[in-house]
């Protein structure tokens, strides 16, 4: 799921891009984040001029929110990082929020 929603401040409404990672799907969380960033930036994922490694270790991101050792899902926690001026926030429940750079 991908959608743009207005920010909370009506005087400065940059769009917040929302995506959702399916932990039961075939894509890893890091792949979902890269695809969401590319779509948010309006570029083809193969034409991206950024690397997730510039901001966060993709393997560590994948491990951070995977199910616990007993198989129960992780339901709390989040990680935020910046990449090319975009603030990316990944939640344990699979929600991904991308805030574009602020331009007054």
PDB file of N, CA and C in Angstrom:
ATOM      1  N   UNK A   1       0.840  -1.173   0.000  1.00  0.00           N
ATOM      2  CA  UNK A   1       0.000   0.000   0.000  1.00  0.00           C
ATOM      3  C   UNK A   1       0.884   1.235   0.000  1.00  0.00           C
ATOM      4  N   UNK A   2       0.620   2.145  -0.875  1.00  0.00           N
ATOM      5  CA  UNK A   2       1.378   3.390  -0.957  1.00  0.00           C
ATOM      6  C   UNK A   2       0.380   4.527  -1.084  1.00  0.00           C
ATOM      7  N   UNK A   3       0.598   5.602  -0.345  1.00  0.00           N
ATOM      8  CA  UNK A   3      -0.266   6.762  -0.479  1.00  0.00           C
ATOM      9  C   UNK A   3       0.447   7.989   0.047  1.00  0.00           C
ATOM     10  N   UNK A   4       0.029   9.127  -0.443  1.00  0.00           N
ATOM     11  CA  UNK A   4       0.551  10.394   0.055  1.00  0.00           C
ATOM     12  C   UNK A   4      -0.548  11.024   0.896  1.00  0.00           C
ATOM     13  N   UNK A   5      -0.154  11.551   2.052  1.00  0.00           N
ATOM     14  CA  UNK A   5      -1.116  12.211   2.919  1.00  0.00           C
ATOM     15  C   UNK A   5      -0.553  13.561   3.312  1.00  0.00           C
ATOM     16  N   UNK A   6      -1.435  14.557   3.520  1.00  0.00           N
ATOM     17  CA  UNK A   6      -0.930  15.871   3.907  1.00  0.00           C
ATOM     18  C   UNK A   6      -0.342  15.847   5.307  1.00  0.00           C
ATOM     19  N   UNK A   7       0.602  16.710   5.529  1.00  0.00           N
ATOM     20  CA  UNK A   7       1.209  16.834   6.854  1.00  0.00           C
ATOM     21  C   UNK A   7       0.217  17.491   7.797  1.00  0.00           C
ATOM     22  N   UNK A   8       0.517  17.475   9.082  1.00  0.00           N
ATOM     23  CA  UNK A   8      -0.382  18.023  10.086  1.00  0.00           C
ATOM     24  C   UNK A   8      -0.476  19.543  10.044  1.00  0.00           C
ATOM     25  N   UNK A   9       0.548  20.224   9.563  1.00  0.00           N
ATOM     26  CA  UNK A   9       0.567  21.678   9.533  1.00  0.00           C
ATOM     27  C   UNK A   9      -0.080  22.183   8.247  1.00  0.00           C
ATOM     28  N   UNK A  10      -1.279  22.795   8.341  1.00  0.00           N
ATOM     29  CA  UNK A  10      -1.958  23.243   7.126  1.00  0.00           C
ATOM     30  C   UNK A  10      -1.238  24.390   6.419  1.00  0.00           C
ATOM     31  N   UNK A  11      -0.329  25.092   7.122  1.00  0.00           N
ATOM     32  CA  UNK A  11       0.422  26.188   6.497  1.00  0.00           C
ATOM     33  C   UNK A  11       1.638  25.694   5.730  1.00  0.00           C
ATOM     34  N   UNK A  12       2.021  24.468   5.954  1.00  0.00           N
ATOM     35  CA  UNK A  12       3.167  23.880   5.279  1.00  0.00           C
ATOM     36  C   UNK A  12       2.835  22.420   4.977  1.00  0.00           C
ATOM     37  N   UNK A  13       2.094  22.167   3.907  1.00  0.00           N
ATOM     38  CA  UNK A  13       1.591  20.811   3.672  1.00  0.00           C
ATOM     39  C   UNK A  13       2.434  19.920   2.758  1.00  0.00           C
ATOM     40  N   UNK A  14       3.723  19.663   3.096  1.00  0.00           N
ATOM     41  CA  UNK A  14       4.417  18.693   2.251  1.00  0.00           C
ATOM     42  C   UNK A  14       3.765  17.331   2.417  1.00  0.00           C
ATOM     43  N   UNK A  15       3.742  16.560   1.374  1.00  0.00           N
ATOM     44  CA  UNK A  15       3.109  15.255   1.427  1.00  0.00           C
ATOM     45  C   UNK A  15       3.977  14.270   2.199  1.00  0.00           C
ATOM     46  N   UNK A  16       3.330  13.490   3.032  1.00  0.00           N
ATOM     47  CA  UNK A  16       4.004  12.386   3.709  1.00  0.00           C
ATOM     48  C   UNK A  16       3.645  11.139   2.930  1.00  0.00           C
ATOM     49  N   UNK A  17       4.645  10.420   2.502  1.00  0.00           N
ATOM     50  CA  UNK A  17       4.437   9.216   1.719  1.00  0.00           C
ATOM     51  C   UNK A  17       4.339   8.036   2.665  1.00  0.00           C
ATOM     52  N   UNK A  18       3.320   7.219   2.498  1.00  0.00           N
ATOM     53  CA  UNK A  18       3.114   6.054   3.356  1.00  0.00           C
ATOM     54  C   UNK A  18       3.185   4.788   2.520  1.00  0.00           C
ATOM     55  N   UNK A  19       3.875   3.804   3.066  1.00  0.00           N
ATOM     56  CA  UNK A  19       3.934   2.483   2.436  1.00  0.00           C
ATOM     57  C   UNK A  19       3.817   1.458   3.553  1.00  0.00           C
ATOM     58  N   UNK A  20       3.503   0.253   3.190  1.00  0.00           N
ATOM     59  CA  UNK A  20       3.379  -0.806   4.181  1.00  0.00           C
ATOM     60  C   UNK A  20       4.133  -2.039   3.700  1.00  0.00           C
ATOM     61  N   UNK A  21       4.962  -2.563   4.568  1.00  0.00           N
ATOM     62  CA  UNK A  21       5.716  -3.774   4.257  1.00  0.00           C
ATOM     63  C   UNK A  21       4.921  -4.992   4.696  1.00  0.00           C
ATOM     64  N   UNK A  22       4.833  -5.987   3.834  1.00  0.00           N
ATOM     65  CA  UNK A  22       4.156  -7.240   4.162  1.00  0.00           C
ATOM     66  C   UNK A  22       5.206  -8.246   4.627  1.00  0.00           C
ATOM     67  N   UNK A  23       5.255  -8.528   5.928  1.00  0.00           N
ATOM     68  CA  UNK A  23       6.283  -9.448   6.417  1.00  0.00           C
ATOM     69  C   UNK A  23       6.112 -10.873   5.900  1.00  0.00           C
ATOM     70  N   UNK A  24       4.931 -11.202   5.404  1.00  0.00           N
ATOM     71  CA  UNK A  24       4.695 -12.537   4.853  1.00  0.00           C
ATOM     72  C   UNK A  24       4.940 -12.593   3.347  1.00  0.00           C
ATOM     73  N   UNK A  25       5.274 -11.452   2.741  1.00  0.00           N
ATOM     74  CA  UNK A  25       5.539 -11.397   1.306  1.00  0.00           C
ATOM     75  C   UNK A  25       6.942 -11.854   0.970  1.00  0.00           C
ATOM     76  N   UNK A  26       7.275 -11.751  -0.301  1.00  0.00           N
ATOM     77  CA  UNK A  26       8.591 -12.215  -0.754  1.00  0.00           C
ATOM     78  C   UNK A  26       9.683 -11.154  -0.622  1.00  0.00           C
ATOM     79  N   UNK A  27       9.309  -9.873  -0.543  1.00  0.00           N
ATOM     80  CA  UNK A  27      10.300  -8.794  -0.446  1.00  0.00           C
ATOM     81  C   UNK A  27      10.797  -8.638   0.988  1.00  0.00           C
ATOM     82  N   UNK A  28      12.087  -8.342   1.107  1.00  0.00           N
ATOM     83  CA  UNK A  28      12.644  -8.015   2.418  1.00  0.00           C
ATOM     84  C   UNK A  28      12.280  -6.568   2.747  1.00  0.00           C
ATOM     85  N   UNK A  29      12.298  -6.238   4.028  1.00  0.00           N
ATOM     86  CA  UNK A  29      11.948  -4.892   4.467  1.00  0.00           C
ATOM     87  C   UNK A  29      12.810  -3.843   3.775  1.00  0.00           C
ATOM     88  N   UNK A  30      14.095  -4.085   3.664  1.00  0.00           N
ATOM     89  CA  UNK A  30      14.985  -3.111   3.020  1.00  0.00           C
ATOM     90  C   UNK A  30      14.591  -2.881   1.563  1.00  0.00           C
ATOM     91  N   UNK A  31      14.139  -3.912   0.875  1.00  0.00           N
ATOM     92  CA  UNK A  31      13.691  -3.769  -0.516  1.00  0.00           C
ATOM     93  C   UNK A  31      12.424  -2.925  -0.589  1.00  0.00           C
ATOM     94  N   UNK A  32      11.506  -3.141   0.357  1.00  0.00           N
ATOM     95  CA  UNK A  32      10.281  -2.337   0.388  1.00  0.00           C
ATOM     96  C   UNK A  32      10.615  -0.874   0.619  1.00  0.00           C
ATOM     97  N   UNK A  33      11.564  -0.607   1.506  1.00  0.00           N
ATOM     98  CA  UNK A  33      11.969   0.774   1.781  1.00  0.00           C
ATOM     99  C   UNK A  33      12.553   1.419   0.526  1.00  0.00           C
ATOM    100  N   UNK A  34      13.430   0.730  -0.191  1.00  0.00           N
ATOM    101  CA  UNK A  34      14.039   1.283  -1.401  1.00  0.00           C
ATOM    102  C   UNK A  34      12.968   1.557  -2.462  1.00  0.00           C
ATOM    103  N   UNK A  35      12.055   0.645  -2.659  1.00  0.00           N
ATOM    104  CA  UNK A  35      10.983   0.843  -3.646  1.00  0.00           C
ATOM    105  C   UNK A  35      10.081   2.017  -3.248  1.00  0.00           C
ATOM    106  N   UNK A  36       9.779   2.131  -1.952  1.00  0.00           N
ATOM    107  CA  UNK A  36       8.957   3.245  -1.483  1.00  0.00           C
ATOM    108  C   UNK A  36       9.676   4.580  -1.685  1.00  0.00           C
ATOM    109  N   UNK A  37      10.963   4.621  -1.389  1.00  0.00           N
ATOM    110  CA  UNK A  37      11.739   5.846  -1.608  1.00  0.00           C
ATOM    111  C   UNK A  37      11.760   6.233  -3.081  1.00  0.00           C
ATOM    112  N   UNK A  38      11.995   5.262  -3.938  1.00  0.00           N
ATOM    113  CA  UNK A  38      12.034   5.546  -5.379  1.00  0.00           C
ATOM    114  C   UNK A  38      10.688   6.103  -5.847  1.00  0.00           C
ATOM    115  N   UNK A  39       9.614   5.477  -5.402  1.00  0.00           N
ATOM    116  CA  UNK A  39       8.291   5.949  -5.817  1.00  0.00           C
ATOM    117  C   UNK A  39       8.013   7.340  -5.262  1.00  0.00           C
ATOM    118  N   UNK A  40       8.392   7.578  -4.018  1.00  0.00           N
ATOM    119  CA  UNK A  40       8.201   8.889  -3.403  1.00  0.00           C
ATOM    120  C   UNK A  40       8.970   9.970  -4.165  1.00  0.00           C
ATOM    121  N   UNK A  41      10.175   9.624  -4.625  1.00  0.00           N
ATOM    122  CA  UNK A  41      11.017  10.573  -5.359  1.00  0.00           C
ATOM    123  C   UNK A  41      10.635  10.674  -6.832  1.00  0.00           C
ATOM    124  N   UNK A  42       9.741   9.784  -7.276  1.00  0.00           N
ATOM    125  CA  UNK A  42       9.295   9.828  -8.667  1.00  0.00           C
ATOM    126  C   UNK A  42      10.310   9.291  -9.652  1.00  0.00           C
ATOM    127  N   UNK A  43      11.116   8.313  -9.214  1.00  0.00           N
ATOM    128  CA  UNK A  43      12.112   7.719 -10.099  1.00  0.00           C
ATOM    129  C   UNK A  43      11.931   6.206 -10.145  1.00  0.00           C
ATOM    130  N   UNK A  44      12.424   5.612 -11.201  1.00  0.00           N
ATOM    131  CA  UNK A  44      12.416   4.162 -11.319  1.00  0.00           C
ATOM    132  C   UNK A  44      13.444   3.611 -10.341  1.00  0.00           C
ATOM    133  N   UNK A  45      13.108   2.521  -9.701  1.00  0.00           N
ATOM    134  CA  UNK A  45      14.016   1.966  -8.688  1.00  0.00           C
ATOM    135  C   UNK A  45      15.394   1.638  -9.274  1.00  0.00           C
ATOM    136  N   UNK A  46      15.456   1.299 -10.550  1.00  0.00           N
ATOM    137  CA  UNK A  46      16.749   1.003 -11.180  1.00  0.00           C
ATOM    138  C   UNK A  46      17.540   2.265 -11.508  1.00  0.00           C
ATOM    139  N   UNK A  47      16.884   3.435 -11.454  1.00  0.00           N
ATOM    140  CA  UNK A  47      17.547   4.700 -11.760  1.00  0.00           C
ATOM    141  C   UNK A  47      17.881   5.520 -10.514  1.00  0.00           C
ATOM    142  N   UNK A  48      17.709   4.944  -9.340  1.00  0.00           N
ATOM    143  CA  UNK A  48      17.954   5.673  -8.093  1.00  0.00           C
ATOM    144  C   UNK A  48      19.419   6.067  -7.987  1.00  0.00           C
ATOM    145  N   UNK A  49      19.643   7.286  -7.529  1.00  0.00           N
ATOM    146  CA  UNK A  49      21.013   7.731  -7.327  1.00  0.00           C
ATOM    147  C   UNK A  49      21.371   7.731  -5.841  1.00  0.00           C
ATOM    148  N   UNK A  50      20.744   6.843  -5.083  1.00  0.00           N
ATOM    149  CA  UNK A  50      21.062   6.700  -3.670  1.00  0.00           C
ATOM    150  C   UNK A  50      21.238   5.220  -3.345  1.00  0.00           C
ATOM    151  N   UNK A  51      21.890   4.984  -2.239  1.00  0.00           N
ATOM    152  CA  UNK A  51      22.048   3.629  -1.729  1.00  0.00           C
ATOM    153  C   UNK A  51      21.573   3.622  -0.289  1.00  0.00           C
ATOM    154  N   UNK A  52      20.794   2.650   0.081  1.00  0.00           N
ATOM    155  CA  UNK A  52      20.331   2.549   1.452  1.00  0.00           C
ATOM    156  C   UNK A  52      21.525   2.463   2.408  1.00  0.00           C
ATOM    157  N   UNK A  53      22.625   1.860   1.944  1.00  0.00           N
ATOM    158  CA  UNK A  53      23.838   1.759   2.750  1.00  0.00           C
ATOM    159  C   UNK A  53      24.378   3.128   3.167  1.00  0.00           C
ATOM    160  N   UNK A  54      24.001   4.199   2.440  1.00  0.00           N
ATOM    161  CA  UNK A  54      24.453   5.534   2.807  1.00  0.00           C
ATOM    162  C   UNK A  54      23.894   5.977   4.153  1.00  0.00           C
ATOM    163  N   UNK A  55      22.792   5.343   4.592  1.00  0.00           N
ATOM    164  CA  UNK A  55      22.120   5.771   5.816  1.00  0.00           C
ATOM    165  C   UNK A  55      21.925   4.679   6.854  1.00  0.00           C
ATOM    166  N   UNK A  56      21.730   3.448   6.386  1.00  0.00           N
ATOM    167  CA  UNK A  56      21.444   2.353   7.306  1.00  0.00           C
ATOM    168  C   UNK A  56      21.901   1.041   6.668  1.00  0.00           C
ATOM    169  N   UNK A  57      22.311   0.111   7.487  1.00  0.00           N
ATOM    170  CA  UNK A  57      22.717  -1.205   6.985  1.00  0.00           C
ATOM    171  C   UNK A  57      21.448  -1.997   6.654  1.00  0.00           C
ATOM    172  N   UNK A  58      21.197  -2.316   5.384  1.00  0.00           N
ATOM    173  CA  UNK A  58      19.976  -3.025   5.008  1.00  0.00           C
ATOM    174  C   UNK A  58      19.801  -4.369   5.714  1.00  0.00           C
ATOM    175  N   UNK A  59      20.889  -5.108   5.911  1.00  0.00           N
ATOM    176  CA  UNK A  59      20.783  -6.392   6.610  1.00  0.00           C
ATOM    177  C   UNK A  59      20.359  -6.199   8.063  1.00  0.00           C
ATOM    178  N   UNK A  60      20.891  -5.181   8.712  1.00  0.00           N
ATOM    179  CA  UNK A  60      20.503  -4.892  10.093  1.00  0.00           C
ATOM    180  C   UNK A  60      19.036  -4.463  10.147  1.00  0.00           C
ATOM    181  N   UNK A  61      18.597  -3.669   9.182  1.00  0.00           N
ATOM    182  CA  UNK A  61      17.190  -3.260   9.123  1.00  0.00           C
ATOM    183  C   UNK A  61      16.292  -4.483   8.980  1.00  0.00           C
ATOM    184  N   UNK A  62      16.659  -5.406   8.121  1.00  0.00           N
ATOM    185  CA  UNK A  62      15.864  -6.622   7.932  1.00  0.00           C
ATOM    186  C   UNK A  62      15.782  -7.443   9.226  1.00  0.00           C
ATOM    187  N   UNK A  63      16.893  -7.526   9.944  1.00  0.00           N
ATOM    188  CA  UNK A  63      16.923  -8.304  11.192  1.00  0.00           C
ATOM    189  C   UNK A  63      16.185  -7.608  12.329  1.00  0.00           C
ATOM    190  N   UNK A  64      16.220  -6.293  12.351  1.00  0.00           N
ATOM    191  CA  UNK A  64      15.658  -5.524  13.457  1.00  0.00           C
ATOM    192  C   UNK A  64      14.174  -5.819  13.680  1.00  0.00           C
ATOM    193  N   UNK A  65      13.413  -5.936  12.617  1.00  0.00           N
ATOM    194  CA  UNK A  65      11.965  -6.095  12.752  1.00  0.00           C
ATOM    195  C   UNK A  65      11.456  -7.480  12.371  1.00  0.00           C
ATOM    196  N   UNK A  66      12.350  -8.441  12.181  1.00  0.00           N
ATOM    197  CA  UNK A  66      11.881  -9.791  11.878  1.00  0.00           C
ATOM    198  C   UNK A  66      11.266 -10.397  13.144  1.00  0.00           C
ATOM    199  N   UNK A  67      10.466 -11.459  13.014  1.00  0.00           N
ATOM    200  CA  UNK A  67       9.834 -12.067  14.196  1.00  0.00           C
ATOM    201  C   UNK A  67      10.862 -12.500  15.236  1.00  0.00           C
ATOM    202  N   UNK A  68      10.408 -12.555  16.466  1.00  0.00           N
ATOM    203  CA  UNK A  68      11.261 -13.008  17.568  1.00  0.00           C
ATOM    204  C   UNK A  68      11.633 -14.470  17.362  1.00  0.00           C
ATOM    205  N   UNK A  69      12.555 -14.961  18.157  1.00  0.00           N
ATOM    206  CA  UNK A  69      13.017 -16.346  18.062  1.00  0.00           C
ATOM    207  C   UNK A  69      11.904 -17.371  18.199  1.00  0.00           C
ATOM    208  N   UNK A  70      10.864 -17.032  18.967  1.00  0.00           N
ATOM    209  CA  UNK A  70       9.753 -17.969  19.146  1.00  0.00           C
ATOM    210  C   UNK A  70       8.679 -17.824  18.066  1.00  0.00           C
ATOM    211  N   UNK A  71       8.938 -16.941  17.089  1.00  0.00           N
ATOM    212  CA  UNK A  71       8.015 -16.766  15.971  1.00  0.00           C
ATOM    213  C   UNK A  71       6.988 -15.663  16.146  1.00  0.00           C
ATOM    214  N   UNK A  72       6.884 -15.074  17.332  1.00  0.00           N
ATOM    215  CA  UNK A  72       5.914 -13.997  17.523  1.00  0.00           C
ATOM    216  C   UNK A  72       6.397 -12.734  16.819  1.00  0.00           C
ATOM    217  N   UNK A  73       5.472 -12.000  16.209  1.00  0.00           N
ATOM    218  CA  UNK A  73       5.878 -10.788  15.494  1.00  0.00           C
ATOM    219  C   UNK A  73       6.282  -9.676  16.451  1.00  0.00           C
ATOM    220  N   UNK A  74       7.117  -8.816  15.962  1.00  0.00           N
ATOM    221  CA  UNK A  74       7.477  -7.624  16.733  1.00  0.00           C
ATOM    222  C   UNK A  74       6.389  -6.590  16.468  1.00  0.00           C
ATOM    223  N   UNK A  75       5.849  -6.035  17.526  1.00  0.00           N
ATOM    224  CA  UNK A  75       4.730  -5.106  17.362  1.00  0.00           C
ATOM    225  C   UNK A  75       5.068  -3.696  17.808  1.00  0.00           C
ATOM    226  N   UNK A  76       6.232  -3.491  18.375  1.00  0.00           N
ATOM    227  CA  UNK A  76       6.585  -2.150  18.808  1.00  0.00           C
ATOM    228  C   UNK A  76       7.990  -1.809  18.354  1.00  0.00           C
ATOM    229  N   UNK A  77       8.268  -0.545  18.357  1.00  0.00           N
ATOM    230  CA  UNK A  77       9.575  -0.053  17.957  1.00  0.00           C
ATOM    231  C   UNK A  77       9.527   0.614  16.597  1.00  0.00           C
ATOM    232  N   UNK A  78      10.508   1.462  16.390  1.00  0.00           N
ATOM    233  CA  UNK A  78      10.628   2.155  15.107  1.00  0.00           C
ATOM    234  C   UNK A  78      12.062   2.600  14.933  1.00  0.00           C
ATOM    235  N   UNK A  79      12.406   2.888  13.699  1.00  0.00           N
ATOM    236  CA  UNK A  79      13.734   3.379  13.354  1.00  0.00           C
ATOM    237  C   UNK A  79      13.555   4.509  12.360  1.00  0.00           C
ATOM    238  N   UNK A  80      14.205   5.625  12.602  1.00  0.00           N
ATOM    239  CA  UNK A  80      14.177   6.758  11.671  1.00  0.00           C
ATOM    240  C   UNK A  80      15.585   7.037  11.188  1.00  0.00           C
ATOM    241  N   UNK A  81      15.692   7.409   9.925  1.00  0.00           N
ATOM    242  CA  UNK A  81      16.976   7.790   9.362  1.00  0.00           C
ATOM    243  C   UNK A  81      16.728   8.747   8.207  1.00  0.00           C
ATOM    244  N   UNK A  82      17.768   9.463   7.828  1.00  0.00           N
ATOM    245  CA  UNK A  82      17.690  10.424   6.725  1.00  0.00           C
ATOM    246  C   UNK A  82      18.416   9.850   5.519  1.00  0.00           C
ATOM    247  N   UNK A  83      17.824  10.074   4.349  1.00  0.00           N
ATOM    248  CA  UNK A  83      18.476   9.702   3.100  1.00  0.00           C
ATOM    249  C   UNK A  83      18.072  10.727   2.045  1.00  0.00           C
ATOM    250  N   UNK A  84      19.050  11.397   1.508  1.00  0.00           N
ATOM    251  CA  UNK A  84      18.872  12.463   0.519  1.00  0.00           C
ATOM    252  C   UNK A  84      17.816  13.476   0.952  1.00  0.00           C
ATOM    253  N   UNK A  85      17.892  13.881   2.204  1.00  0.00           N
ATOM    254  CA  UNK A  85      16.983  14.892   2.734  1.00  0.00           C
ATOM    255  C   UNK A  85      15.619  14.369   3.138  1.00  0.00           C
ATOM    256  N   UNK A  86      15.320  13.130   2.854  1.00  0.00           N
ATOM    257  CA  UNK A  86      14.041  12.527   3.224  1.00  0.00           C
ATOM    258  C   UNK A  86      14.182  11.834   4.581  1.00  0.00           C
ATOM    259  N   UNK A  87      13.229  12.075   5.469  1.00  0.00           N
ATOM    260  CA  UNK A  87      13.205  11.355   6.749  1.00  0.00           C
ATOM    261  C   UNK A  87      12.364  10.102   6.545  1.00  0.00           C
ATOM    262  N   UNK A  88      12.974   8.953   6.764  1.00  0.00           N
ATOM    263  CA  UNK A  88      12.311   7.661   6.622  1.00  0.00           C
ATOM    264  C   UNK A  88      12.105   7.093   8.022  1.00  0.00           C
ATOM    265  N   UNK A  89      10.871   6.734   8.335  1.00  0.00           N
ATOM    266  CA  UNK A  89      10.566   6.112   9.619  1.00  0.00           C
ATOM    267  C   UNK A  89       9.928   4.759   9.344  1.00  0.00           C
ATOM    268  N   UNK A  90      10.559   3.724   9.865  1.00  0.00           N
ATOM    269  CA  UNK A  90      10.080   2.352   9.687  1.00  0.00           C
ATOM    270  C   UNK A  90       9.555   1.879  11.037  1.00  0.00           C
ATOM    271  N   UNK A  91       8.312   1.422  11.049  1.00  0.00           N
ATOM    272  CA  UNK A  91       7.686   0.923  12.272  1.00  0.00           C
ATOM    273  C   UNK A  91       7.677  -0.597  12.261  1.00  0.00           C
ATOM    274  N   UNK A  92       7.697  -1.179  13.461  1.00  0.00           N
ATOM    275  CA  UNK A  92       7.720  -2.639  13.596  1.00  0.00           C
ATOM    276  C   UNK A  92       6.519  -3.305  12.936  1.00  0.00           C
ATOM    277  N   UNK A  93       5.392  -2.596  12.857  1.00  0.00           N
ATOM    278  CA  UNK A  93       4.190  -3.185  12.255  1.00  0.00           C
ATOM    279  C   UNK A  93       4.208  -3.152  10.724  1.00  0.00           C
ATOM    280  N   UNK A  94       5.305  -2.646  10.133  1.00  0.00           N
ATOM    281  CA  UNK A  94       5.447  -2.626   8.681  1.00  0.00           C
ATOM    282  C   UNK A  94       5.163  -1.286   8.037  1.00  0.00           C
ATOM    283  N   UNK A  95       4.635  -0.330   8.801  1.00  0.00           N
ATOM    284  CA  UNK A  95       4.355   0.985   8.224  1.00  0.00           C
ATOM    285  C   UNK A  95       5.666   1.724   7.963  1.00  0.00           C
ATOM    286  N   UNK A  96       5.746   2.347   6.794  1.00  0.00           N
ATOM    287  CA  UNK A  96       6.910   3.132   6.403  1.00  0.00           C
ATOM    288  C   UNK A  96       6.416   4.530   6.058  1.00  0.00           C
ATOM    289  N   UNK A  97       6.940   5.538   6.726  1.00  0.00           N
ATOM    290  CA  UNK A  97       6.590   6.935   6.463  1.00  0.00           C
ATOM    291  C   UNK A  97       7.811   7.633   5.899  1.00  0.00           C
ATOM    292  N   UNK A  98       7.610   8.369   4.813  1.00  0.00           N
ATOM    293  CA  UNK A  98       8.709   9.124   4.199  1.00  0.00           C
ATOM    294  C   UNK A  98       8.282  10.577   4.103  1.00  0.00           C
ATOM    295  N   UNK A  99       9.036  11.425   4.784  1.00  0.00           N
ATOM    296  CA  UNK A  99       8.775  12.863   4.757  1.00  0.00           C
ATOM    297  C   UNK A  99       9.784  13.505   3.817  1.00  0.00           C
ATOM    298  N   UNK A 100       9.309  14.199   2.791  1.00  0.00           N
ATOM    299  CA  UNK A 100      10.241  14.830   1.854  1.00  0.00           C
ATOM    300  C   UNK A 100      10.973  15.997   2.491  1.00  0.00           C
ATOM    301  N   UNK A 101      12.043  16.449   1.870  1.00  0.00           N
ATOM    302  CA  UNK A 101      12.777  17.601   2.404  1.00  0.00           C
ATOM    303  C   UNK A 101      11.858  18.799   2.500  1.00  0.00           C
ATOM    304  N   UNK A 102      12.035  19.582   3.523  1.00  0.00           N
ATOM    305  CA  UNK A 102      11.251  20.799   3.716  1.00  0.00           C
ATOM    306  C   UNK A 102      11.812  21.898   2.823  1.00  0.00           C
ATOM    307  N   UNK A 103      10.955  22.518   2.056  1.00  0.00           N
ATOM    308  CA  UNK A 103      11.376  23.630   1.196  1.00  0.00           C
ATOM    309  C   UNK A 103      10.415  24.785   1.408  1.00  0.00           C
ATOM    310  N   UNK A 104      10.845  25.807   2.147  1.00  0.00           N
ATOM    311  CA  UNK A 104       9.953  26.948   2.425  1.00  0.00           C
ATOM    312  C   UNK A 104       9.649  27.753   1.188  1.00  0.00           C
TER     313      UNK A 104
END
